[in-house]
PDB file of N, CA and C in Angstrom:
ATOM      1  N   MET A   1       0.935  -1.272  -0.071  1.00  0.00           N
ATOM      2  CA  MET A   1      -0.014   0.045  -0.044  1.00  0.00           C
ATOM      3  C   MET A   1       0.882   1.280  -0.007  1.00  0.00           C
ATOM      4  N   GLU A   2       0.644   2.144  -0.870  1.00  0.00           N
ATOM      5  CA  GLU A   2       1.504   3.391  -1.013  1.00  0.00           C
ATOM      6  C   GLU A   2       1.231   4.508  -0.177  1.00  0.00           C
ATOM      7  N   GLY A   3       0.079   4.450   0.553  1.00  0.00           N
ATOM      8  CA  GLY A   3      -0.322   5.571   1.588  1.00  0.00           C
ATOM      9  C   GLY A   3      -1.333   4.848   2.500  1.00  0.00           C
ATOM     10  N   SER A   4      -1.272   5.195   3.681  1.00  0.00           N
ATOM     11  CA  SER A   4      -2.249   4.498   4.679  1.00  0.00           C
ATOM     12  C   SER A   4      -2.754   5.429   5.727  1.00  0.00           C
ATOM     13  N   GLN A   5      -3.807   5.100   6.215  1.00  0.00           N
ATOM     14  CA  GLN A   5      -4.394   5.870   7.340  1.00  0.00           C
ATOM     15  C   GLN A   5      -4.072   5.249   8.571  1.00  0.00           C
ATOM     16  N   GLY A   6      -3.588   5.906   9.523  1.00  0.00           N
ATOM     17  CA  GLY A   6      -3.206   5.491  10.894  1.00  0.00           C
ATOM     18  C   GLY A   6      -4.353   5.874  11.760  1.00  0.00           C
ATOM     19  N   THR A   7      -3.895   5.929  13.107  1.00  0.00           N
ATOM     20  CA  THR A   7      -4.877   6.229  14.064  1.00  0.00           C
ATOM     21  C   THR A   7      -5.144   7.791  14.161  1.00  0.00           C
ATOM     22  N   GLY A   8      -6.247   8.056  14.511  1.00  0.00           N
ATOM     23  CA  GLY A   8      -6.638   9.496  14.759  1.00  0.00           C
ATOM     24  C   GLY A   8      -5.938  10.127  15.954  1.00  0.00           C
ATOM     25  N   GLY A   9      -5.618  11.472  15.800  1.00  0.00           N
ATOM     26  CA  GLY A   9      -4.909  12.142  16.930  1.00  0.00           C
ATOM     27  C   GLY A   9      -6.046  12.763  17.802  1.00  0.00           C
ATOM     28  N   GLN A  10      -5.492  13.162  18.952  1.00  0.00           N
ATOM     29  CA  GLN A  10      -6.492  13.818  19.958  1.00  0.00           C
ATOM     30  C   GLN A  10      -7.102  14.988  19.439  1.00  0.00           C
ATOM     31  N   ASP A  11      -6.432  15.709  18.553  1.00  0.00           N
ATOM     32  CA  ASP A  11      -7.062  17.026  18.010  1.00  0.00           C
ATOM     33  C   ASP A  11      -7.797  16.761  16.737  1.00  0.00           C
ATOM     34  N   GLY A  12      -8.285  15.428  16.508  1.00  0.00           N
ATOM     35  CA  GLY A  12      -9.003  15.235  15.313  1.00  0.00           C
ATOM     36  C   GLY A  12      -8.346  15.064  14.083  1.00  0.00           C
ATOM     37  N   THR A  13      -6.965  15.075  14.154  1.00  0.00           N
ATOM     38  CA  THR A  13      -6.189  14.724  12.871  1.00  0.00           C
ATOM     39  C   THR A  13      -6.114  13.337  12.725  1.00  0.00           C
ATOM     40  N   VAL A  14      -5.655  12.930  11.447  1.00  0.00           N
ATOM     41  CA  VAL A  14      -5.506  11.560  10.999  1.00  0.00           C
ATOM     42  C   VAL A  14      -4.033  11.444  10.601  1.00  0.00           C
ATOM     43  N   THR A  15      -3.300  10.395  11.010  1.00  0.00           N
ATOM     44  CA  THR A  15      -1.952  10.129  10.713  1.00  0.00           C
ATOM     45  C   THR A  15      -2.001   9.492   9.339  1.00  0.00           C
ATOM     46  N   PHE A  16      -1.377  10.142   8.465  1.00  0.00           N
ATOM     47  CA  PHE A  16      -1.307   9.562   7.016  1.00  0.00           C
ATOM     48  C   PHE A  16      -0.034   9.409   6.549  1.00  0.00           C
ATOM     49  N   VAL A  17       0.329   8.200   6.031  1.00  0.00           N
ATOM     50  CA  VAL A  17       1.699   7.753   5.756  1.00  0.00           C
ATOM     51  C   VAL A  17       1.775   7.613   4.152  1.00  0.00           C
ATOM     52  N   ILE A  18       2.754   8.406   3.623  1.00  0.00           N
ATOM     53  CA  ILE A  18       3.047   8.203   2.152  1.00  0.00           C
ATOM     54  C   ILE A  18       4.341   7.564   2.037  1.00  0.00           C
ATOM     55  N   GLU A  19       4.375   6.587   1.281  1.00  0.00           N
ATOM     56  CA  GLU A  19       5.478   5.627   1.113  1.00  0.00           C
ATOM     57  C   GLU A  19       6.333   6.160  -0.091  1.00  0.00           C
ATOM     58  N   PRO A  20       7.742   6.031   0.009  1.00  0.00           N
ATOM     59  CA  PRO A  20       8.642   6.381  -1.104  1.00  0.00           C
ATOM     60  C   PRO A  20       8.076   5.809  -2.374  1.00  0.00           C
ATOM     61  N   GLY A  21       8.171   6.764  -3.405  1.00  0.00           N
ATOM     62  CA  GLY A  21       7.755   6.228  -4.809  1.00  0.00           C
ATOM     63  C   GLY A  21       6.314   6.312  -4.980  1.00  0.00           C
ATOM     64  N   ALA A  22       5.508   6.719  -4.129  1.00  0.00           N
ATOM     65  CA  ALA A  22       4.030   6.809  -4.308  1.00  0.00           C
ATOM     66  C   ALA A  22       3.767   7.911  -5.400  1.00  0.00           C
ATOM     67  N   THR A  23       2.814   7.674  -6.239  1.00  0.00           N
ATOM     68  CA  THR A  23       2.398   8.600  -7.260  1.00  0.00           C
ATOM     69  C   THR A  23       1.384   9.401  -6.711  1.00  0.00           C
ATOM     70  N   SER A  24       1.149  10.578  -7.449  1.00  0.00           N
ATOM     71  CA  SER A  24       0.176  11.468  -7.059  1.00  0.00           C
ATOM     72  C   SER A  24      -1.172  10.908  -7.035  1.00  0.00           C
ATOM     73  N   SER A  25      -1.521  10.084  -8.146  1.00  0.00           N
ATOM     74  CA  SER A  25      -2.756   9.486  -8.111  1.00  0.00           C
ATOM     75  C   SER A  25      -2.999   8.483  -6.988  1.00  0.00           C
ATOM     76  N   SER A  26      -2.033   7.700  -6.692  1.00  0.00           N
ATOM     77  CA  SER A  26      -2.255   6.725  -5.543  1.00  0.00           C
ATOM     78  C   SER A  26      -2.359   7.453  -4.178  1.00  0.00           C
ATOM     79  N   VAL A  27      -1.496   8.497  -4.061  1.00  0.00           N
ATOM     80  CA  VAL A  27      -1.674   9.245  -2.678  1.00  0.00           C
ATOM     81  C   VAL A  27      -3.079   9.912  -2.703  1.00  0.00           C
ATOM     82  N   CYS A  28      -3.517  10.478  -3.739  1.00  0.00           N
ATOM     83  CA  CYS A  28      -4.949  11.005  -3.757  1.00  0.00           C
ATOM     84  C   CYS A  28      -6.115  10.038  -3.491  1.00  0.00           C
ATOM     85  N   ARG A  29      -5.901   8.808  -4.120  1.00  0.00           N
ATOM     86  CA  ARG A  29      -6.859   7.738  -3.782  1.00  0.00           C
ATOM     87  C   ARG A  29      -6.762   7.266  -2.404  1.00  0.00           C
ATOM     88  N   GLN A  30      -5.704   7.347  -1.695  1.00  0.00           N
ATOM     89  CA  GLN A  30      -5.609   6.802  -0.317  1.00  0.00           C
ATOM     90  C   GLN A  30      -6.164   7.936   0.513  1.00  0.00           C
ATOM     91  N   LEU A  31      -5.938   9.158   0.278  1.00  0.00           N
ATOM     92  CA  LEU A  31      -6.665  10.284   0.930  1.00  0.00           C
ATOM     93  C   LEU A  31      -8.079  10.226   0.995  1.00  0.00           C
ATOM     94  N   GLU A  32      -8.642   9.817  -0.243  1.00  0.00           N
ATOM     95  CA  GLU A  32     -10.096   9.714  -0.438  1.00  0.00           C
ATOM     96  C   GLU A  32     -10.496   8.375   0.614  1.00  0.00           C
ATOM     97  N   GLU A  33      -9.863   7.321   0.430  1.00  0.00           N
ATOM     98  CA  GLU A  33     -10.182   6.032   1.194  1.00  0.00           C
ATOM     99  C   GLU A  33     -10.154   6.328   2.511  1.00  0.00           C
ATOM    100  N   ALA A  34      -9.205   7.200   3.099  1.00  0.00           N
ATOM    101  CA  ALA A  34      -9.011   7.681   4.522  1.00  0.00           C
ATOM    102  C   ALA A  34     -10.127   8.674   5.059  1.00  0.00           C
ATOM    103  N   GLY A  35     -11.005   9.195   3.990  1.00  0.00           N
ATOM    104  CA  GLY A  35     -11.983  10.033   4.401  1.00  0.00           C
ATOM    105  C   GLY A  35     -11.390  11.468   4.559  1.00  0.00           C
ATOM    106  N   LEU A  36     -10.184  11.746   3.954  1.00  0.00           N
ATOM    107  CA  LEU A  36      -9.652  13.017   4.077  1.00  0.00           C
ATOM    108  C   LEU A  36      -9.951  13.980   3.058  1.00  0.00           C
ATOM    109  N   VAL A  37     -10.312  13.540   1.812  1.00  0.00           N
ATOM    110  CA  VAL A  37     -10.830  14.221   0.664  1.00  0.00           C
ATOM    111  C   VAL A  37     -12.126  13.604   0.152  1.00  0.00           C
ATOM    112  N   GLU A  38     -12.980  14.372  -0.445  1.00  0.00           N
ATOM    113  CA  GLU A  38     -14.197  13.799  -0.971  1.00  0.00           C
ATOM    114  C   GLU A  38     -14.107  13.211  -2.120  1.00  0.00           C
ATOM    115  N   ASP A  39     -13.267  13.763  -3.181  1.00  0.00           N
ATOM    116  CA  ASP A  39     -12.951  13.271  -4.540  1.00  0.00           C
ATOM    117  C   ASP A  39     -11.612  13.305  -4.832  1.00  0.00           C
ATOM    118  N   PHE A  40     -10.856  12.092  -4.956  1.00  0.00           N
ATOM    119  CA  PHE A  40      -9.474  12.131  -5.150  1.00  0.00           C
ATOM    120  C   PHE A  40      -9.040  12.917  -6.457  1.00  0.00           C
ATOM    121  N   SER A  41     -10.011  12.854  -7.486  1.00  0.00           N
ATOM    122  CA  SER A  41      -9.667  13.535  -8.749  1.00  0.00           C
ATOM    123  C   SER A  41      -9.449  14.943  -8.597  1.00  0.00           C
ATOM    124  N   VAL A  42     -10.303  15.615  -7.940  1.00  0.00           N
ATOM    125  CA  VAL A  42     -10.032  16.945  -7.661  1.00  0.00           C
ATOM    126  C   VAL A  42      -8.706  17.457  -7.147  1.00  0.00           C
ATOM    127  N   ILE A  43      -8.160  16.764  -6.072  1.00  0.00           N
ATOM    128  CA  ILE A  43      -6.891  17.099  -5.619  1.00  0.00           C
ATOM    129  C   ILE A  43      -5.792  16.556  -6.642  1.00  0.00           C
ATOM    130  N   ASP A  44      -6.027  15.405  -7.246  1.00  0.00           N
ATOM    131  CA  ASP A  44      -4.995  14.996  -8.176  1.00  0.00           C
ATOM    132  C   ASP A  44      -4.848  15.929  -9.331  1.00  0.00           C
ATOM    133  N   THR A  45      -5.947  16.470  -9.837  1.00  0.00           N
ATOM    134  CA  THR A  45      -5.888  17.404 -10.913  1.00  0.00           C
ATOM    135  C   THR A  45      -5.208  18.815 -10.374  1.00  0.00           C
ATOM    136  N   TYR A  46      -5.455  19.114  -9.246  1.00  0.00           N
ATOM    137  CA  TYR A  46      -4.908  20.404  -8.677  1.00  0.00           C
ATOM    138  C   TYR A  46      -3.324  20.112  -8.563  1.00  0.00           C
ATOM    139  N   LEU A  47      -2.876  18.995  -8.117  1.00  0.00           N
ATOM    140  CA  LEU A  47      -1.460  18.632  -7.883  1.00  0.00           C
ATOM    141  C   LEU A  47      -0.818  18.702  -9.338  1.00  0.00           C
ATOM    142  N   CYS A  48      -1.423  18.135 -10.332  1.00  0.00           N
ATOM    143  CA  CYS A  48      -0.829  17.872 -11.658  1.00  0.00           C
ATOM    144  C   CYS A  48      -0.822  19.293 -12.309  1.00  0.00           C
ATOM    145  N   SER A  49      -1.923  20.070 -12.280  1.00  0.00           N
ATOM    146  CA  SER A  49      -2.080  21.311 -13.055  1.00  0.00           C
ATOM    147  C   SER A  49      -1.102  22.391 -12.393  1.00  0.00           C
ATOM    148  N   ASN A  50      -0.743  22.239 -11.076  1.00  0.00           N
ATOM    149  CA  ASN A  50       0.027  23.309 -10.497  1.00  0.00           C
ATOM    150  C   ASN A  50       1.565  22.830 -10.252  1.00  0.00           C
ATOM    151  N   GLY A  51       1.925  21.789 -10.828  1.00  0.00           N
ATOM    152  CA  GLY A  51       3.266  21.264 -10.701  1.00  0.00           C
ATOM    153  C   GLY A  51       3.665  20.665  -9.458  1.00  0.00           C
ATOM    154  N   TYR A  52       2.653  20.244  -8.573  1.00  0.00           N
ATOM    155  CA  TYR A  52       3.029  19.687  -7.259  1.00  0.00           C
ATOM    156  C   TYR A  52       3.115  18.151  -7.335  1.00  0.00           C
ATOM    157  N   SER A  53       2.686  17.559  -8.402  1.00  0.00           N
ATOM    158  CA  SER A  53       2.577  16.059  -8.460  1.00  0.00           C
ATOM    159  C   SER A  53       3.915  15.385  -8.261  1.00  0.00           C
ATOM    160  N   THR A  54       5.041  16.076  -8.655  1.00  0.00           N
ATOM    161  CA  THR A  54       6.348  15.591  -8.515  1.00  0.00           C
ATOM    162  C   THR A  54       7.033  16.022  -7.135  1.00  0.00           C
ATOM    163  N   LYS A  55       6.404  16.798  -6.425  1.00  0.00           N
ATOM    164  CA  LYS A  55       6.990  17.421  -5.226  1.00  0.00           C
ATOM    165  C   LYS A  55       6.290  16.687  -3.903  1.00  0.00           C
ATOM    166  N   ILE A  56       5.533  15.584  -4.081  1.00  0.00           N
ATOM    167  CA  ILE A  56       4.848  14.983  -2.954  1.00  0.00           C
ATOM    168  C   ILE A  56       6.101  14.121  -2.347  1.00  0.00           C
ATOM    169  N   ARG A  57       6.198  14.354  -1.048  1.00  0.00           N
ATOM    170  CA  ARG A  57       7.353  13.617  -0.334  1.00  0.00           C
ATOM    171  C   ARG A  57       6.756  12.441   0.536  1.00  0.00           C
ATOM    172  N   ALA A  58       7.716  11.494   0.724  1.00  0.00           N
ATOM    173  CA  ALA A  58       7.393  10.410   1.527  1.00  0.00           C
ATOM    174  C   ALA A  58       7.361  10.902   3.012  1.00  0.00           C
ATOM    175  N   GLY A  59       6.619  10.150   3.856  1.00  0.00           N
ATOM    176  CA  GLY A  59       6.672  10.473   5.318  1.00  0.00           C
ATOM    177  C   GLY A  59       5.463  10.161   5.948  1.00  0.00           C
ATOM    178  N   THR A  60       5.287  10.715   7.208  1.00  0.00           N
ATOM    179  CA  THR A  60       4.023  10.634   8.068  1.00  0.00           C
ATOM    180  C   THR A  60       3.574  11.877   8.394  1.00  0.00           C
ATOM    181  N   PHE A  61       2.331  12.103   8.111  1.00  0.00           N
ATOM    182  CA  PHE A  61       1.773  13.532   8.161  1.00  0.00           C
ATOM    183  C   PHE A  61       0.459  13.435   8.998  1.00  0.00           C
ATOM    184  N   GLU A  62       0.227  14.486   9.729  1.00  0.00           N
ATOM    185  CA  GLU A  62      -1.009  14.781  10.510  1.00  0.00           C
ATOM    186  C   GLU A  62      -1.854  15.695   9.645  1.00  0.00           C
ATOM    187  N   ILE A  63      -3.079  14.991   9.248  1.00  0.00           N
ATOM    188  CA  ILE A  63      -4.016  15.724   8.278  1.00  0.00           C
ATOM    189  C   ILE A  63      -5.232  15.817   8.993  1.00  0.00           C
ATOM    190  N   ALA A  64      -5.799  17.054   9.039  1.00  0.00           N
ATOM    191  CA  ALA A  64      -7.308  17.154   9.600  1.00  0.00           C
ATOM    192  C   ALA A  64      -8.315  16.999   8.479  1.00  0.00           C
ATOM    193  N   PRO A  65      -9.334  16.150   8.790  1.00  0.00           N
ATOM    194  CA  PRO A  65     -10.435  16.220   7.816  1.00  0.00           C
ATOM    195  C   PRO A  65     -11.098  17.595   7.570  1.00  0.00           C
ATOM    196  N   GLY A  66     -11.372  17.799   6.362  1.00  0.00           N
ATOM    197  CA  GLY A  66     -11.943  19.068   5.993  1.00  0.00           C
ATOM    198  C   GLY A  66     -10.981  20.266   5.694  1.00  0.00           C
ATOM    199  N   MET A  67      -9.706  19.879   5.604  1.00  0.00           N
ATOM    200  CA  MET A  67      -8.718  20.764   5.178  1.00  0.00           C
ATOM    201  C   MET A  67      -9.000  21.237   3.793  1.00  0.00           C
ATOM    202  N   SER A  68      -8.547  22.426   3.372  1.00  0.00           N
ATOM    203  CA  SER A  68      -8.694  22.898   1.961  1.00  0.00           C
ATOM    204  C   SER A  68      -7.634  22.103   1.093  1.00  0.00           C
ATOM    205  N   VAL A  69      -7.834  22.038  -0.186  1.00  0.00           N
ATOM    206  CA  VAL A  69      -6.949  21.445  -1.060  1.00  0.00           C
ATOM    207  C   VAL A  69      -5.532  22.152  -0.910  1.00  0.00           C
ATOM    208  N   GLU A  70      -5.485  23.487  -0.755  1.00  0.00           N
ATOM    209  CA  GLU A  70      -4.277  24.136  -0.687  1.00  0.00           C
ATOM    210  C   GLU A  70      -3.549  23.836   0.580  1.00  0.00           C
ATOM    211  N   GLU A  71      -4.291  23.767   1.672  1.00  0.00           N
ATOM    212  CA  GLU A  71      -3.669  23.246   3.011  1.00  0.00           C
ATOM    213  C   GLU A  71      -3.104  21.947   2.948  1.00  0.00           C
ATOM    214  N   LEU A  72      -3.793  20.989   2.342  1.00  0.00           N
ATOM    215  CA  LEU A  72      -3.367  19.629   2.191  1.00  0.00           C
ATOM    216  C   LEU A  72      -2.146  19.478   1.411  1.00  0.00           C
ATOM    217  N   VAL A  73      -2.218  20.163   0.316  1.00  0.00           N
ATOM    218  CA  VAL A  73      -0.994  20.157  -0.697  1.00  0.00           C
ATOM    219  C   VAL A  73       0.359  20.752   0.002  1.00  0.00           C
ATOM    220  N   LYS A  74       0.018  21.734   0.743  1.00  0.00           N
ATOM    221  CA  LYS A  74       1.162  22.379   1.560  1.00  0.00           C
ATOM    222  C   LYS A  74       1.861  21.338   2.474  1.00  0.00           C
ATOM    223  N   ILE A  75       1.016  20.614   3.085  1.00  0.00           N
ATOM    224  CA  ILE A  75       1.479  19.633   4.029  1.00  0.00           C
ATOM    225  C   ILE A  75       2.337  18.460   3.403  1.00  0.00           C
ATOM    226  N   ILE A  76       1.708  17.924   2.234  1.00  0.00           N
ATOM    227  CA  ILE A  76       2.397  16.786   1.767  1.00  0.00           C
ATOM    228  C   ILE A  76       3.509  17.075   0.784  1.00  0.00           C
ATOM    229  N   THR A  77       3.753  18.399   0.505  1.00  0.00           N
ATOM    230  CA  THR A  77       4.705  18.735  -0.506  1.00  0.00           C
ATOM    231  C   THR A  77       5.853  19.620   0.157  1.00  0.00           C
ATOM    232  N   LYS A  78       5.594  20.000   1.399  1.00  0.00           N
ATOM    233  CA  LYS A  78       6.512  20.894   2.253  1.00  0.00           C
ATOM    234  C   LYS A  78       7.910  20.123   2.457  1.00  0.00           C
ATOM    235  N   GLU A  79       8.995  20.889   2.191  1.00  0.00           N
ATOM    236  CA  GLU A  79      10.327  20.341   2.512  1.00  0.00           C
ATOM    237  C   GLU A  79      10.593  20.402   4.011  1.00  0.00           C
ATOM    238  N   LYS A  80      11.349  19.492   4.447  1.00  0.00           N
ATOM    239  CA  LYS A  80      11.648  19.462   5.783  1.00  0.00           C
ATOM    240  C   LYS A  80      12.637  20.635   6.180  1.00  0.00           C
TER     241      LYS A  80
END
């Protein structure tokens, strides 16, 4: 599995794991399966159209349900 949902945090966030080599499409599908986005194709299109699809980084992220696409993208593409 290229991304996975972990346990929920006390603040309502979900721990989301992106594995090395995961594609934009697979990450977006996992976000949808985890209930973090309503329609994976919306965020995938945003990532691809704005040049972020190649900037997704592997790691463990705390993501809150209901985040905007821009907030979500900032988290999964931010450099350490």
